[in-house]
C-alpha atoms as a PDB file:
ATOM      1  CA  UNK A   1     -31.719  23.243   6.268  1.00  0.00           C
ATOM      2  CA  UNK A   2     -28.402  25.052   5.903  1.00  0.00           C
ATOM      3  CA  UNK A   3     -25.483  23.759   3.848  1.00  0.00           C
ATOM      4  CA  UNK A   4     -23.634  23.035   7.071  1.00  0.00           C
ATOM      5  CA  UNK A   5     -26.592  21.044   8.443  1.00  0.00           C
ATOM      6  CA  UNK A   6     -26.793  19.001   5.228  1.00  0.00           C
ATOM      7  CA  UNK A   7     -23.085  18.290   5.372  1.00  0.00           C
ATOM      8  CA  UNK A   8     -23.324  17.146   9.005  1.00  0.00           C
ATOM      9  CA  UNK A   9     -26.313  14.923   8.180  1.00  0.00           C
ATOM     10  CA  UNK A  10     -24.471  13.269   5.299  1.00  0.00           C
ATOM     11  CA  UNK A  11     -21.421  12.821   7.473  1.00  0.00           C
ATOM     12  CA  UNK A  12     -23.375  11.164  10.282  1.00  0.00           C
ATOM     13  CA  UNK A  13     -25.031   8.773   7.780  1.00  0.00           C
ATOM     14  CA  UNK A  14     -21.661   7.545   6.569  1.00  0.00           C
ATOM     15  CA  UNK A  15     -20.358   4.410   8.250  1.00  0.00           C
ATOM     16  CA  UNK A  16     -16.776   4.779   9.386  1.00  0.00           C
ATOM     17  CA  UNK A  17     -15.117   1.391   9.848  1.00  0.00           C
ATOM     18  CA  UNK A  18     -11.649   1.968   8.416  1.00  0.00           C
ATOM     19  CA  UNK A  19      -9.014   4.629   7.905  1.00  0.00           C
ATOM     20  CA  UNK A  20     -10.150   4.816   4.266  1.00  0.00           C
ATOM     21  CA  UNK A  21     -13.725   5.677   5.331  1.00  0.00           C
ATOM     22  CA  UNK A  22     -12.508   8.429   7.628  1.00  0.00           C
ATOM     23  CA  UNK A  23     -10.120   9.733   4.954  1.00  0.00           C
ATOM     24  CA  UNK A  24     -12.973  10.015   2.443  1.00  0.00           C
ATOM     25  CA  UNK A  25     -14.996  12.188   4.813  1.00  0.00           C
ATOM     26  CA  UNK A  26     -11.989  14.343   5.715  1.00  0.00           C
ATOM     27  CA  UNK A  27     -10.918  14.731   2.091  1.00  0.00           C
ATOM     28  CA  UNK A  28      -7.381  13.465   2.726  1.00  0.00           C
ATOM     29  CA  UNK A  29      -5.430  10.244   2.160  1.00  0.00           C
ATOM     30  CA  UNK A  30      -5.666   7.279   4.561  1.00  0.00           C
ATOM     31  CA  UNK A  31      -1.979   7.827   5.283  1.00  0.00           C
ATOM     32  CA  UNK A  32      -2.665  11.378   6.467  1.00  0.00           C
ATOM     33  CA  UNK A  33      -5.466  10.083   8.706  1.00  0.00           C
ATOM     34  CA  UNK A  34      -3.139   7.461  10.167  1.00  0.00           C
ATOM     35  CA  UNK A  35      -0.425  10.012  10.873  1.00  0.00           C
ATOM     36  CA  UNK A  36      -2.888  12.522  12.336  1.00  0.00           C
ATOM     37  CA  UNK A  37      -4.436  10.031  14.749  1.00  0.00           C
ATOM     38  CA  UNK A  38      -0.957   8.915  15.781  1.00  0.00           C
ATOM     39  CA  UNK A  39      -0.067  12.523  16.622  1.00  0.00           C
ATOM     40  CA  UNK A  40       2.566  12.744  13.894  1.00  0.00           C
ATOM     41  CA  UNK A  41       3.982  16.280  13.667  1.00  0.00           C
ATOM     42  CA  UNK A  42       4.145  16.016   9.855  1.00  0.00           C
ATOM     43  CA  UNK A  43       0.392  16.704   9.775  1.00  0.00           C
ATOM     44  CA  UNK A  44      -0.418  20.361  10.406  1.00  0.00           C
ATOM     45  CA  UNK A  45      -2.442  21.177  13.508  1.00  0.00           C
ATOM     46  CA  UNK A  46      -5.561  22.326  11.651  1.00  0.00           C
ATOM     47  CA  UNK A  47      -5.805  19.131   9.605  1.00  0.00           C
ATOM     48  CA  UNK A  48      -5.079  16.962  12.635  1.00  0.00           C
ATOM     49  CA  UNK A  49      -7.797  18.687  14.696  1.00  0.00           C
ATOM     50  CA  UNK A  50     -10.290  18.237  11.840  1.00  0.00           C
ATOM     51  CA  UNK A  51      -9.539  14.533  11.542  1.00  0.00           C
ATOM     52  CA  UNK A  52      -9.673  13.983  15.306  1.00  0.00           C
ATOM     53  CA  UNK A  53     -13.043  15.757  15.468  1.00  0.00           C
ATOM     54  CA  UNK A  54     -14.514  13.555  12.725  1.00  0.00           C
ATOM     55  CA  UNK A  55     -13.107  10.452  14.405  1.00  0.00           C
ATOM     56  CA  UNK A  56     -14.742  11.437  17.721  1.00  0.00           C
ATOM     57  CA  UNK A  57     -18.018  12.190  15.982  1.00  0.00           C
ATOM     58  CA  UNK A  58     -18.135   8.670  14.549  1.00  0.00           C
ATOM     59  CA  UNK A  59     -16.703   6.900  17.574  1.00  0.00           C
ATOM     60  CA  UNK A  60     -13.789   5.704  15.454  1.00  0.00           C
ATOM     61  CA  UNK A  61     -10.907   4.026  17.272  1.00  0.00           C
ATOM     62  CA  UNK A  62      -8.013   3.336  14.862  1.00  0.00           C
ATOM     63  CA  UNK A  63      -6.261  -0.006  14.887  1.00  0.00           C
ATOM     64  CA  UNK A  64      -8.024  -1.224  18.010  1.00  0.00           C
ATOM     65  CA  UNK A  65      -7.079  -4.801  17.242  1.00  0.00           C
ATOM     66  CA  UNK A  66      -3.561  -3.794  16.232  1.00  0.00           C
ATOM     67  CA  UNK A  67      -3.146  -2.168  19.660  1.00  0.00           C
ATOM     68  CA  UNK A  68      -4.321  -5.393  21.244  1.00  0.00           C
ATOM     69  CA  UNK A  69      -1.762  -7.332  19.237  1.00  0.00           C
ATOM     70  CA  UNK A  70       1.021  -5.165  20.631  1.00  0.00           C
ATOM     71  CA  UNK A  71       0.007  -6.380  24.074  1.00  0.00           C
ATOM     72  CA  UNK A  72      -0.677 -10.035  23.183  1.00  0.00           C
ATOM     73  CA  UNK A  73       1.005 -11.838  20.294  1.00  0.00           C
ATOM     74  CA  UNK A  74      -0.790 -14.455  18.231  1.00  0.00           C
ATOM     75  CA  UNK A  75       2.234 -16.286  16.807  1.00  0.00           C
ATOM     76  CA  UNK A  76       0.637 -16.020  13.340  1.00  0.00           C
ATOM     77  CA  UNK A  77       1.871 -14.143  10.257  1.00  0.00           C
ATOM     78  CA  UNK A  78      -0.733 -13.218   7.664  1.00  0.00           C
ATOM     79  CA  UNK A  79       0.098 -13.707   3.985  1.00  0.00           C
ATOM     80  CA  UNK A  80      -2.171 -11.911   1.516  1.00  0.00           C
ATOM     81  CA  UNK A  81      -2.183 -12.315  -2.274  1.00  0.00           C
ATOM     82  CA  UNK A  82      -4.142  -9.437  -3.876  1.00  0.00           C
ATOM     83  CA  UNK A  83      -5.409 -10.191  -7.386  1.00  0.00           C
ATOM     84  CA  UNK A  84      -6.710  -6.861  -8.577  1.00  0.00           C
ATOM     85  CA  UNK A  85      -5.290  -7.151 -12.093  1.00  0.00           C
ATOM     86  CA  UNK A  86      -6.158 -10.801 -12.849  1.00  0.00           C
ATOM     87  CA  UNK A  87      -9.036 -11.954 -10.641  1.00  0.00           C
ATOM     88  CA  UNK A  88      -9.130 -15.468 -12.114  1.00  0.00           C
ATOM     89  CA  UNK A  89      -5.510 -16.249 -11.295  1.00  0.00           C
ATOM     90  CA  UNK A  90      -5.177 -19.039  -8.730  1.00  0.00           C
ATOM     91  CA  UNK A  91      -2.924 -19.570  -5.714  1.00  0.00           C
ATOM     92  CA  UNK A  92      -2.043 -22.895  -7.344  1.00  0.00           C
ATOM     93  CA  UNK A  93       0.063 -20.890  -9.825  1.00  0.00           C
ATOM     94  CA  UNK A  94       3.540 -22.415  -9.727  1.00  0.00           C
ATOM     95  CA  UNK A  95       5.221 -19.140  -8.712  1.00  0.00           C
ATOM     96  CA  UNK A  96       2.892 -18.622  -5.747  1.00  0.00           C
ATOM     97  CA  UNK A  97       3.307 -22.211  -4.592  1.00  0.00           C
ATOM     98  CA  UNK A  98       7.101 -21.994  -4.816  1.00  0.00           C
ATOM     99  CA  UNK A  99       7.283 -18.745  -2.840  1.00  0.00           C
ATOM    100  CA  UNK A 100       4.695 -19.919  -0.294  1.00  0.00           C
ATOM    101  CA  UNK A 101       6.650 -23.119   0.285  1.00  0.00           C
ATOM    102  CA  UNK A 102       9.815 -21.180   1.092  1.00  0.00           C
ATOM    103  CA  UNK A 103       7.858 -18.729   3.280  1.00  0.00           C
ATOM    104  CA  UNK A 104       6.258 -21.557   5.252  1.00  0.00           C
ATOM    105  CA  UNK A 105       9.686 -23.095   5.873  1.00  0.00           C
ATOM    106  CA  UNK A 106      11.164 -19.786   7.046  1.00  0.00           C
ATOM    107  CA  UNK A 107       8.225 -18.864   9.272  1.00  0.00           C
ATOM    108  CA  UNK A 108       7.924 -22.244  10.981  1.00  0.00           C
ATOM    109  CA  UNK A 109      11.640 -22.226  11.691  1.00  0.00           C
ATOM    110  CA  UNK A 110      11.099 -18.902  13.486  1.00  0.00           C
ATOM    111  CA  UNK A 111       8.180 -20.313  15.475  1.00  0.00           C
ATOM    112  CA  UNK A 112       5.313 -18.723  13.517  1.00  0.00           C
ATOM    113  CA  UNK A 113       2.248 -20.161  11.830  1.00  0.00           C
ATOM    114  CA  UNK A 114       0.985 -18.820   8.506  1.00  0.00           C
ATOM    115  CA  UNK A 115      -2.501 -17.571   7.648  1.00  0.00           C
ATOM    116  CA  UNK A 116      -3.139 -17.272   3.897  1.00  0.00           C
ATOM    117  CA  UNK A 117      -5.697 -15.098   2.114  1.00  0.00           C
ATOM    118  CA  UNK A 118      -6.383 -14.759  -1.606  1.00  0.00           C
ATOM    119  CA  UNK A 119      -7.917 -11.307  -2.072  1.00  0.00           C
ATOM    120  CA  UNK A 120     -10.041  -9.805  -4.847  1.00  0.00           C
ATOM    121  CA  UNK A 121      -9.779  -6.050  -4.056  1.00  0.00           C
ATOM    122  CA  UNK A 122     -12.766  -5.147  -6.242  1.00  0.00           C
ATOM    123  CA  UNK A 123     -14.940  -7.167  -3.862  1.00  0.00           C
ATOM    124  CA  UNK A 124     -13.375  -5.727  -0.684  1.00  0.00           C
ATOM    125  CA  UNK A 125     -11.537  -2.430  -1.046  1.00  0.00           C
ATOM    126  CA  UNK A 126     -10.631  -2.462   2.654  1.00  0.00           C
ATOM    127  CA  UNK A 127      -9.056  -5.933   2.466  1.00  0.00           C
ATOM    128  CA  UNK A 128      -5.721  -4.871   3.939  1.00  0.00           C
ATOM    129  CA  UNK A 129      -7.169  -2.816   6.811  1.00  0.00           C
ATOM    130  CA  UNK A 130      -9.442  -5.731   7.709  1.00  0.00           C
ATOM    131  CA  UNK A 131      -6.595  -8.237   7.705  1.00  0.00           C
ATOM    132  CA  UNK A 132      -4.374  -6.054   9.856  1.00  0.00           C
ATOM    133  CA  UNK A 133      -7.194  -5.224  12.258  1.00  0.00           C
ATOM    134  CA  UNK A 134      -8.531  -8.771  12.485  1.00  0.00           C
ATOM    135  CA  UNK A 135      -6.720  -9.531  15.730  1.00  0.00           C
ATOM    136  CA  UNK A 136      -5.509 -12.808  14.237  1.00  0.00           C
ATOM    137  CA  UNK A 137      -2.011 -11.901  13.008  1.00  0.00           C
ATOM    138  CA  UNK A 138       1.144 -10.288  14.387  1.00  0.00           C
ATOM    139  CA  UNK A 139       2.301  -8.992  11.011  1.00  0.00           C
ATOM    140  CA  UNK A 140       1.540  -9.208   7.297  1.00  0.00           C
ATOM    141  CA  UNK A 141       3.395 -10.278   4.166  1.00  0.00           C
ATOM    142  CA  UNK A 142       1.772  -9.169   0.909  1.00  0.00           C
ATOM    143  CA  UNK A 143       2.721 -11.158  -2.190  1.00  0.00           C
ATOM    144  CA  UNK A 144       2.551  -8.885  -5.210  1.00  0.00           C
ATOM    145  CA  UNK A 145       1.491  -5.251  -5.491  1.00  0.00           C
ATOM    146  CA  UNK A 146      -0.978  -5.996  -8.308  1.00  0.00           C
ATOM    147  CA  UNK A 147      -2.944  -2.755  -8.827  1.00  0.00           C
ATOM    148  CA  UNK A 148      -2.912  -2.047  -5.088  1.00  0.00           C
ATOM    149  CA  UNK A 149       0.285   0.033  -4.821  1.00  0.00           C
ATOM    150  CA  UNK A 150      -1.396   3.144  -3.387  1.00  0.00           C
ATOM    151  CA  UNK A 151      -3.516   1.125  -0.926  1.00  0.00           C
ATOM    152  CA  UNK A 152      -0.433  -0.676   0.374  1.00  0.00           C
ATOM    153  CA  UNK A 153       1.533   2.575   0.569  1.00  0.00           C
ATOM    154  CA  UNK A 154      -1.206   4.293   2.584  1.00  0.00           C
ATOM    155  CA  UNK A 155      -1.448   1.447   5.078  1.00  0.00           C
ATOM    156  CA  UNK A 156       2.341   1.391   5.477  1.00  0.00           C
ATOM    157  CA  UNK A 157       2.169   4.908   6.952  1.00  0.00           C
ATOM    158  CA  UNK A 158       0.437   3.645  10.062  1.00  0.00           C
ATOM    159  CA  UNK A 159       1.384  -0.030  10.253  1.00  0.00           C
ATOM    160  CA  UNK A 160       5.021  -1.005  10.656  1.00  0.00           C
ATOM    161  CA  UNK A 161       5.015  -4.857  10.624  1.00  0.00           C
ATOM    162  CA  UNK A 162       4.284  -5.308   6.916  1.00  0.00           C
ATOM    163  CA  UNK A 163       6.632  -6.378   4.107  1.00  0.00           C
ATOM    164  CA  UNK A 164       5.681  -6.769   0.449  1.00  0.00           C
ATOM    165  CA  UNK A 165       7.004  -8.980  -2.333  1.00  0.00           C
ATOM    166  CA  UNK A 166       7.126  -6.768  -5.397  1.00  0.00           C
ATOM    167  CA  UNK A 167       8.931  -4.085  -7.360  1.00  0.00           C
ATOM    168  CA  UNK A 168      10.743  -1.213  -5.666  1.00  0.00           C
ATOM    169  CA  UNK A 169      10.101   2.340  -6.845  1.00  0.00           C
ATOM    170  CA  UNK A 170      11.773   5.515  -5.700  1.00  0.00           C
ATOM    171  CA  UNK A 171       9.741   7.314  -3.054  1.00  0.00           C
ATOM    172  CA  UNK A 172       7.507   4.417  -2.043  1.00  0.00           C
ATOM    173  CA  UNK A 173       6.689   4.100   1.633  1.00  0.00           C
ATOM    174  CA  UNK A 174       6.146   0.371   2.026  1.00  0.00           C
ATOM    175  CA  UNK A 175       9.037  -2.023   2.589  1.00  0.00           C
ATOM    176  CA  UNK A 176       9.508  -4.360  -0.355  1.00  0.00           C
ATOM    177  CA  UNK A 177      11.545  -7.438  -1.207  1.00  0.00           C
ATOM    178  CA  UNK A 178      11.892  -8.445  -4.836  1.00  0.00           C
ATOM    179  CA  UNK A 179      14.068  -8.671  -7.901  1.00  0.00           C
ATOM    180  CA  UNK A 180      15.361  -5.852 -10.076  1.00  0.00           C
ATOM    181  CA  UNK A 181      12.670  -6.518 -12.672  1.00  0.00           C
ATOM    182  CA  UNK A 182      13.817  -3.869 -15.111  1.00  0.00           C
ATOM    183  CA  UNK A 183      17.323  -5.328 -15.172  1.00  0.00           C
ATOM    184  CA  UNK A 184      15.802  -8.777 -15.623  1.00  0.00           C
ATOM    185  CA  UNK A 185      13.904  -7.529 -18.666  1.00  0.00           C
ATOM    186  CA  UNK A 186      17.128  -6.156 -20.100  1.00  0.00           C
ATOM    187  CA  UNK A 187      18.889  -9.497 -19.622  1.00  0.00           C
ATOM    188  CA  UNK A 188      16.069 -11.327 -21.393  1.00  0.00           C
ATOM    189  CA  UNK A 189      16.047  -8.999 -24.401  1.00  0.00           C
ATOM    190  CA  UNK A 190      19.835  -9.000 -24.665  1.00  0.00           C
ATOM    191  CA  UNK A 191      19.872 -12.805 -24.755  1.00  0.00           C
ATOM    192  CA  UNK A 192      17.203 -13.009 -27.448  1.00  0.00           C
ATOM    193  CA  UNK A 193      18.985 -10.443 -29.607  1.00  0.00           C
ATOM    194  CA  UNK A 194      22.396 -12.048 -29.059  1.00  0.00           C
ATOM    195  CA  UNK A 195      20.839 -15.330 -30.236  1.00  0.00           C
ATOM    196  CA  UNK A 196      19.831 -13.682 -33.505  1.00  0.00           C
ATOM    197  CA  UNK A 197      16.265 -12.497 -32.831  1.00  0.00           C
ATOM    198  CA  UNK A 198      15.311  -9.164 -34.410  1.00  0.00           C
ATOM    199  CA  UNK A 199      11.521  -9.054 -34.007  1.00  0.00           C
ATOM    200  CA  UNK A 200      10.476  -9.544 -30.390  1.00  0.00           C
ATOM    201  CA  UNK A 201       7.200 -10.009 -28.550  1.00  0.00           C
ATOM    202  CA  UNK A 202       6.535  -9.677 -24.819  1.00  0.00           C
ATOM    203  CA  UNK A 203       3.846 -12.051 -23.548  1.00  0.00           C
ATOM    204  CA  UNK A 204       2.348 -10.802 -20.300  1.00  0.00           C
ATOM    205  CA  UNK A 205       0.073  -8.259 -18.659  1.00  0.00           C
ATOM    206  CA  UNK A 206       1.907  -4.935 -18.568  1.00  0.00           C
ATOM    207  CA  UNK A 207      -0.409  -3.449 -15.904  1.00  0.00           C
ATOM    208  CA  UNK A 208       1.104  -5.070 -12.759  1.00  0.00           C
ATOM    209  CA  UNK A 209       4.166  -3.125 -11.604  1.00  0.00           C
ATOM    210  CA  UNK A 210       6.581  -6.066 -11.745  1.00  0.00           C
ATOM    211  CA  UNK A 211       5.613  -7.058 -15.288  1.00  0.00           C
ATOM    212  CA  UNK A 212       5.598  -3.447 -16.458  1.00  0.00           C
ATOM    213  CA  UNK A 213       9.190  -3.079 -15.222  1.00  0.00           C
ATOM    214  CA  UNK A 214      10.258  -6.254 -17.064  1.00  0.00           C
ATOM    215  CA  UNK A 215       8.723  -4.991 -20.288  1.00  0.00           C
ATOM    216  CA  UNK A 216      10.269  -1.537 -19.806  1.00  0.00           C
ATOM    217  CA  UNK A 217      13.733  -3.085 -19.457  1.00  0.00           C
ATOM    218  CA  UNK A 218      13.265  -5.176 -22.593  1.00  0.00           C
ATOM    219  CA  UNK A 219      11.999  -2.140 -24.529  1.00  0.00           C
ATOM    220  CA  UNK A 220      15.014  -0.119 -23.476  1.00  0.00           C
ATOM    221  CA  UNK A 221      17.409  -2.726 -24.854  1.00  0.00           C
ATOM    222  CA  UNK A 222      15.375  -3.245 -28.033  1.00  0.00           C
ATOM    223  CA  UNK A 223      15.332   0.467 -28.767  1.00  0.00           C
ATOM    224  CA  UNK A 224      19.049   0.807 -28.098  1.00  0.00           C
ATOM    225  CA  UNK A 225      19.883  -2.063 -30.453  1.00  0.00           C
ATOM    226  CA  UNK A 226      17.384  -1.146 -33.176  1.00  0.00           C
ATOM    227  CA  UNK A 227      15.123  -4.165 -32.662  1.00  0.00           C
ATOM    228  CA  UNK A 228      11.317  -4.126 -32.669  1.00  0.00           C
ATOM    229  CA  UNK A 229       9.265  -5.341 -29.710  1.00  0.00           C
ATOM    230  CA  UNK A 230       5.531  -5.501 -29.122  1.00  0.00           C
ATOM    231  CA  UNK A 231       3.500  -6.351 -26.022  1.00  0.00           C
ATOM    232  CA  UNK A 232       0.818  -9.028 -26.326  1.00  0.00           C
ATOM    233  CA  UNK A 233      -1.464  -9.027 -23.229  1.00  0.00           C
ATOM    234  CA  UNK A 234      -1.400 -12.481 -21.652  1.00  0.00           C
ATOM    235  CA  UNK A 235      -2.991 -13.357 -18.330  1.00  0.00           C
ATOM    236  CA  UNK A 236      -2.048 -15.982 -15.758  1.00  0.00           C
ATOM    237  CA  UNK A 237      -5.541 -17.346 -15.086  1.00  0.00           C
ATOM    238  CA  UNK A 238      -5.425 -21.064 -16.033  1.00  0.00           C
ATOM    239  CA  UNK A 239      -8.533 -20.789 -18.204  1.00  0.00           C
ATOM    240  CA  UNK A 240      -7.093 -17.898 -20.231  1.00  0.00           C
ATOM    241  CA  UNK A 241      -3.343 -18.357 -20.706  1.00  0.00           C
ATOM    242  CA  UNK A 242      -3.337 -21.104 -23.336  1.00  0.00           C
ATOM    243  CA  UNK A 243      -6.234 -19.591 -25.239  1.00  0.00           C
ATOM    244  CA  UNK A 244      -4.623 -16.150 -25.372  1.00  0.00           C
ATOM    245  CA  UNK A 245      -1.206 -17.503 -26.424  1.00  0.00           C
ATOM    246  CA  UNK A 246      -2.791 -19.588 -29.188  1.00  0.00           C
ATOM    247  CA  UNK A 247      -4.614 -16.491 -30.441  1.00  0.00           C
ATOM    248  CA  UNK A 248      -1.407 -14.408 -30.336  1.00  0.00           C
ATOM    249  CA  UNK A 249       0.599 -17.013 -32.249  1.00  0.00           C
ATOM    250  CA  UNK A 250      -2.148 -17.326 -34.845  1.00  0.00           C
ATOM    251  CA  UNK A 251      -1.853 -13.602 -35.561  1.00  0.00           C
ATOM    252  CA  UNK A 252       1.921 -13.132 -35.418  1.00  0.00           C
ATOM    253  CA  UNK A 253       3.300 -16.421 -36.747  1.00  0.00           C
ATOM    254  CA  UNK A 254       6.135 -15.539 -39.121  1.00  0.00           C
ATOM    255  CA  UNK A 255       6.239 -11.932 -37.899  1.00  0.00           C
ATOM    256  CA  UNK A 256       8.401 -12.488 -34.808  1.00  0.00           C
ATOM    257  CA  UNK A 257      11.451 -14.590 -34.039  1.00  0.00           C
ATOM    258  CA  UNK A 258      11.849 -14.015 -30.288  1.00  0.00           C
ATOM    259  CA  UNK A 259       9.476 -14.208 -27.317  1.00  0.00           C
ATOM    260  CA  UNK A 260      10.107 -12.809 -23.837  1.00  0.00           C
ATOM    261  CA  UNK A 261       7.507 -14.334 -21.510  1.00  0.00           C
ATOM    262  CA  UNK A 262       6.734 -12.358 -18.349  1.00  0.00           C
ATOM    263  CA  UNK A 263       6.841 -15.587 -16.308  1.00  0.00           C
ATOM    264  CA  UNK A 264       8.021 -19.166 -16.718  1.00  0.00           C
ATOM    265  CA  UNK A 265       4.377 -20.261 -16.454  1.00  0.00           C
ATOM    266  CA  UNK A 266       3.559 -18.288 -19.607  1.00  0.00           C
ATOM    267  CA  UNK A 267       6.770 -19.493 -21.289  1.00  0.00           C
ATOM    268  CA  UNK A 268       5.964 -23.164 -20.618  1.00  0.00           C
ATOM    269  CA  UNK A 269       2.476 -22.785 -22.108  1.00  0.00           C
ATOM    270  CA  UNK A 270       4.026 -20.958 -25.051  1.00  0.00           C
ATOM    271  CA  UNK A 271       6.450 -23.840 -25.712  1.00  0.00           C
ATOM    272  CA  UNK A 272       3.544 -26.276 -25.854  1.00  0.00           C
ATOM    273  CA  UNK A 273       1.639 -24.120 -28.337  1.00  0.00           C
ATOM    274  CA  UNK A 274       4.737 -23.754 -30.496  1.00  0.00           C
ATOM    275  CA  UNK A 275       5.264 -27.536 -30.548  1.00  0.00           C
ATOM    276  CA  UNK A 276       1.616 -28.010 -31.530  1.00  0.00           C
ATOM    277  CA  UNK A 277       2.258 -25.696 -34.479  1.00  0.00           C
ATOM    278  CA  UNK A 278       5.482 -27.551 -35.415  1.00  0.00           C
ATOM    279  CA  UNK A 279       7.538 -24.397 -34.903  1.00  0.00           C
ATOM    280  CA  UNK A 280      11.157 -25.369 -34.173  1.00  0.00           C
ATOM    281  CA  UNK A 281      12.750 -23.921 -31.031  1.00  0.00           C
ATOM    282  CA  UNK A 282      15.176 -22.153 -31.078  1.00  0.00           C
ATOM    283  CA  UNK A 283      15.948 -22.257 -34.825  1.00  0.00           C
ATOM    284  CA  UNK A 284      12.652 -20.667 -35.894  1.00  0.00           C
ATOM    285  CA  UNK A 285      11.642 -18.924 -32.700  1.00  0.00           C
ATOM    286  CA  UNK A 286      13.551 -18.247 -29.488  1.00  0.00           C
ATOM    287  CA  UNK A 287      11.941 -18.056 -26.035  1.00  0.00           C
ATOM    288  CA  UNK A 288      13.105 -16.604 -22.719  1.00  0.00           C
ATOM    289  CA  UNK A 289      11.082 -16.849 -19.508  1.00  0.00           C
ATOM    290  CA  UNK A 290      11.322 -15.201 -16.085  1.00  0.00           C
ATOM    291  CA  UNK A 291      11.549 -16.764 -12.572  1.00  0.00           C
ATOM    292  CA  UNK A 292      13.584 -19.976 -13.066  1.00  0.00           C
ATOM    293  CA  UNK A 293      10.892 -22.123 -11.492  1.00  0.00           C
ATOM    294  CA  UNK A 294      11.745 -25.833 -11.056  1.00  0.00           C
ATOM    295  CA  UNK A 295       9.796 -26.746 -14.196  1.00  0.00           C
ATOM    296  CA  UNK A 296      11.951 -24.509 -16.414  1.00  0.00           C
ATOM    297  CA  UNK A 297      14.800 -27.024 -16.549  1.00  0.00           C
ATOM    298  CA  UNK A 298      12.403 -29.868 -17.385  1.00  0.00           C
ATOM    299  CA  UNK A 299      10.731 -28.477 -20.498  1.00  0.00           C
ATOM    300  CA  UNK A 300      11.538 -29.728 -24.001  1.00  0.00           C
ATOM    301  CA  UNK A 301      13.810 -28.050 -24.860  1.00  0.00           C
ATOM    302  CA  UNK A 302      14.922 -26.726 -21.425  1.00  0.00           C
ATOM    303  CA  UNK A 303      13.903 -23.104 -20.955  1.00  0.00           C
ATOM    304  CA  UNK A 304      16.312 -20.182 -20.991  1.00  0.00           C
ATOM    305  CA  UNK A 305      15.079 -17.838 -18.289  1.00  0.00           C
ATOM    306  CA  UNK A 306      15.891 -14.977 -15.935  1.00  0.00           C
ATOM    307  CA  UNK A 307      16.327 -16.275 -12.404  1.00  0.00           C
ATOM    308  CA  UNK A 308      15.002 -14.416  -9.403  1.00  0.00           C
ATOM    309  CA  UNK A 309      16.151 -16.047  -6.181  1.00  0.00           C
ATOM    310  CA  UNK A 310      12.798 -16.958  -4.661  1.00  0.00           C
ATOM    311  CA  UNK A 311      14.325 -18.761  -1.672  1.00  0.00           C
ATOM    312  CA  UNK A 312      16.467 -15.738  -0.814  1.00  0.00           C
ATOM    313  CA  UNK A 313      13.424 -13.531  -1.308  1.00  0.00           C
ATOM    314  CA  UNK A 314      11.362 -15.562   1.172  1.00  0.00           C
ATOM    315  CA  UNK A 315      14.175 -15.396   3.710  1.00  0.00           C
ATOM    316  CA  UNK A 316      14.428 -11.636   3.186  1.00  0.00           C
ATOM    317  CA  UNK A 317      10.669 -11.167   3.642  1.00  0.00           C
ATOM    318  CA  UNK A 318      10.684 -13.017   6.957  1.00  0.00           C
ATOM    319  CA  UNK A 319      13.894 -11.433   8.255  1.00  0.00           C
ATOM    320  CA  UNK A 320      12.695  -7.896   7.514  1.00  0.00           C
ATOM    321  CA  UNK A 321       9.244  -8.579   8.944  1.00  0.00           C
ATOM    322  CA  UNK A 322      10.682  -9.885  12.224  1.00  0.00           C
ATOM    323  CA  UNK A 323      12.887  -6.806  12.492  1.00  0.00           C
ATOM    324  CA  UNK A 324       9.852  -4.599  11.921  1.00  0.00           C
ATOM    325  CA  UNK A 325       7.904  -6.530  14.565  1.00  0.00           C
ATOM    326  CA  UNK A 326      10.677  -5.456  16.926  1.00  0.00           C
ATOM    327  CA  UNK A 327      10.087  -1.815  16.013  1.00  0.00           C
ATOM    328  CA  UNK A 328      12.763  -1.314  13.353  1.00  0.00           C
ATOM    329  CA  UNK A 329      11.863   0.703  10.252  1.00  0.00           C
ATOM    330  CA  UNK A 330      13.773  -1.313   7.655  1.00  0.00           C
ATOM    331  CA  UNK A 331      14.949  -0.529   4.137  1.00  0.00           C
ATOM    332  CA  UNK A 332      13.738  -2.494   1.098  1.00  0.00           C
ATOM    333  CA  UNK A 333      15.730  -5.405  -0.353  1.00  0.00           C
ATOM    334  CA  UNK A 334      16.275  -5.568  -4.132  1.00  0.00           C
ATOM    335  CA  UNK A 335      17.741  -8.854  -5.372  1.00  0.00           C
ATOM    336  CA  UNK A 336      19.864  -9.087  -8.544  1.00  0.00           C
ATOM    337  CA  UNK A 337      18.431 -11.267 -11.351  1.00  0.00           C
ATOM    338  CA  UNK A 338      20.618 -13.739 -13.251  1.00  0.00           C
ATOM    339  CA  UNK A 339      20.323 -15.051 -16.795  1.00  0.00           C
ATOM    340  CA  UNK A 340      20.123 -18.868 -16.929  1.00  0.00           C
ATOM    341  CA  UNK A 341      21.010 -19.995 -20.430  1.00  0.00           C
ATOM    342  CA  UNK A 342      19.520 -23.295 -21.573  1.00  0.00           C
ATOM    343  CA  UNK A 343      18.300 -24.358 -25.011  1.00  0.00           C
ATOM    344  CA  UNK A 344      15.361 -22.136 -25.995  1.00  0.00           C
ATOM    345  CA  UNK A 345      17.558 -19.093 -26.683  1.00  0.00           C
END
């Protein structure tokens, strides 16, 4: 058997169900496959012919269901929450529930129903292709980029009606709505330092893009003002958050005087642990959260936090998605964060 014969045999044994499968065989990105099969002139003729030949060989028909949707609308918008970075996090998380509530209001007012999926990418790497090609939705809103930035970016090349809640980065191809997380991190650190804190800790997972940007902003301010800051990995899964915060405080008690929590959910749990340890807030330790969820004004003491306008974000997600459903290639929307000063810092 020749090398060419072996290659053809291996190729024929490979199941091709998605753009990602075809891309793997062709040795290119899913985005390149999408553009090639759409006849996009940005893909050179040789590569396009190669991809088309492989597609024919495997009987692959891209976005068959998506083509059907263009002819017959479902009246349903899919909402996917990928949890690649924290698989035990729940949709019942207060942030998700707040954003989903606003999204449901906006979508129903526009005459759409909502289909919700919680996704564990490690269990289904083609989760986004499957959702889009399911034939059940007219468009997709993705809540959070998690560790799926490249997957979302690749799909965006060939699928217009998708908008993502997350962090905007220069050069990205998917349309995003979200806060300026780096600026929000700066505001949090500036408030802690202005309140007298000189040894800061960031409680959160710095792997997700949004949280990484918040930490980067806080680090920038800390460095500029000659203040120390350390990151203490803290997850949002209900069965881990309290345990991890308790462990962190046990190690660093007396070594820090300011905490920037990546979310209000983490900040609220942190306040409880501090009370249990009889640590006075804010005289001994100052705390700033992020989100300005409804619970943040009801804590004891009320939480100082960085507000991202979740209601405006939901409206922006729906507005941009409807424009994209009408064929418009929209720009991203970055919302300004605002410091809400209460009693914890």
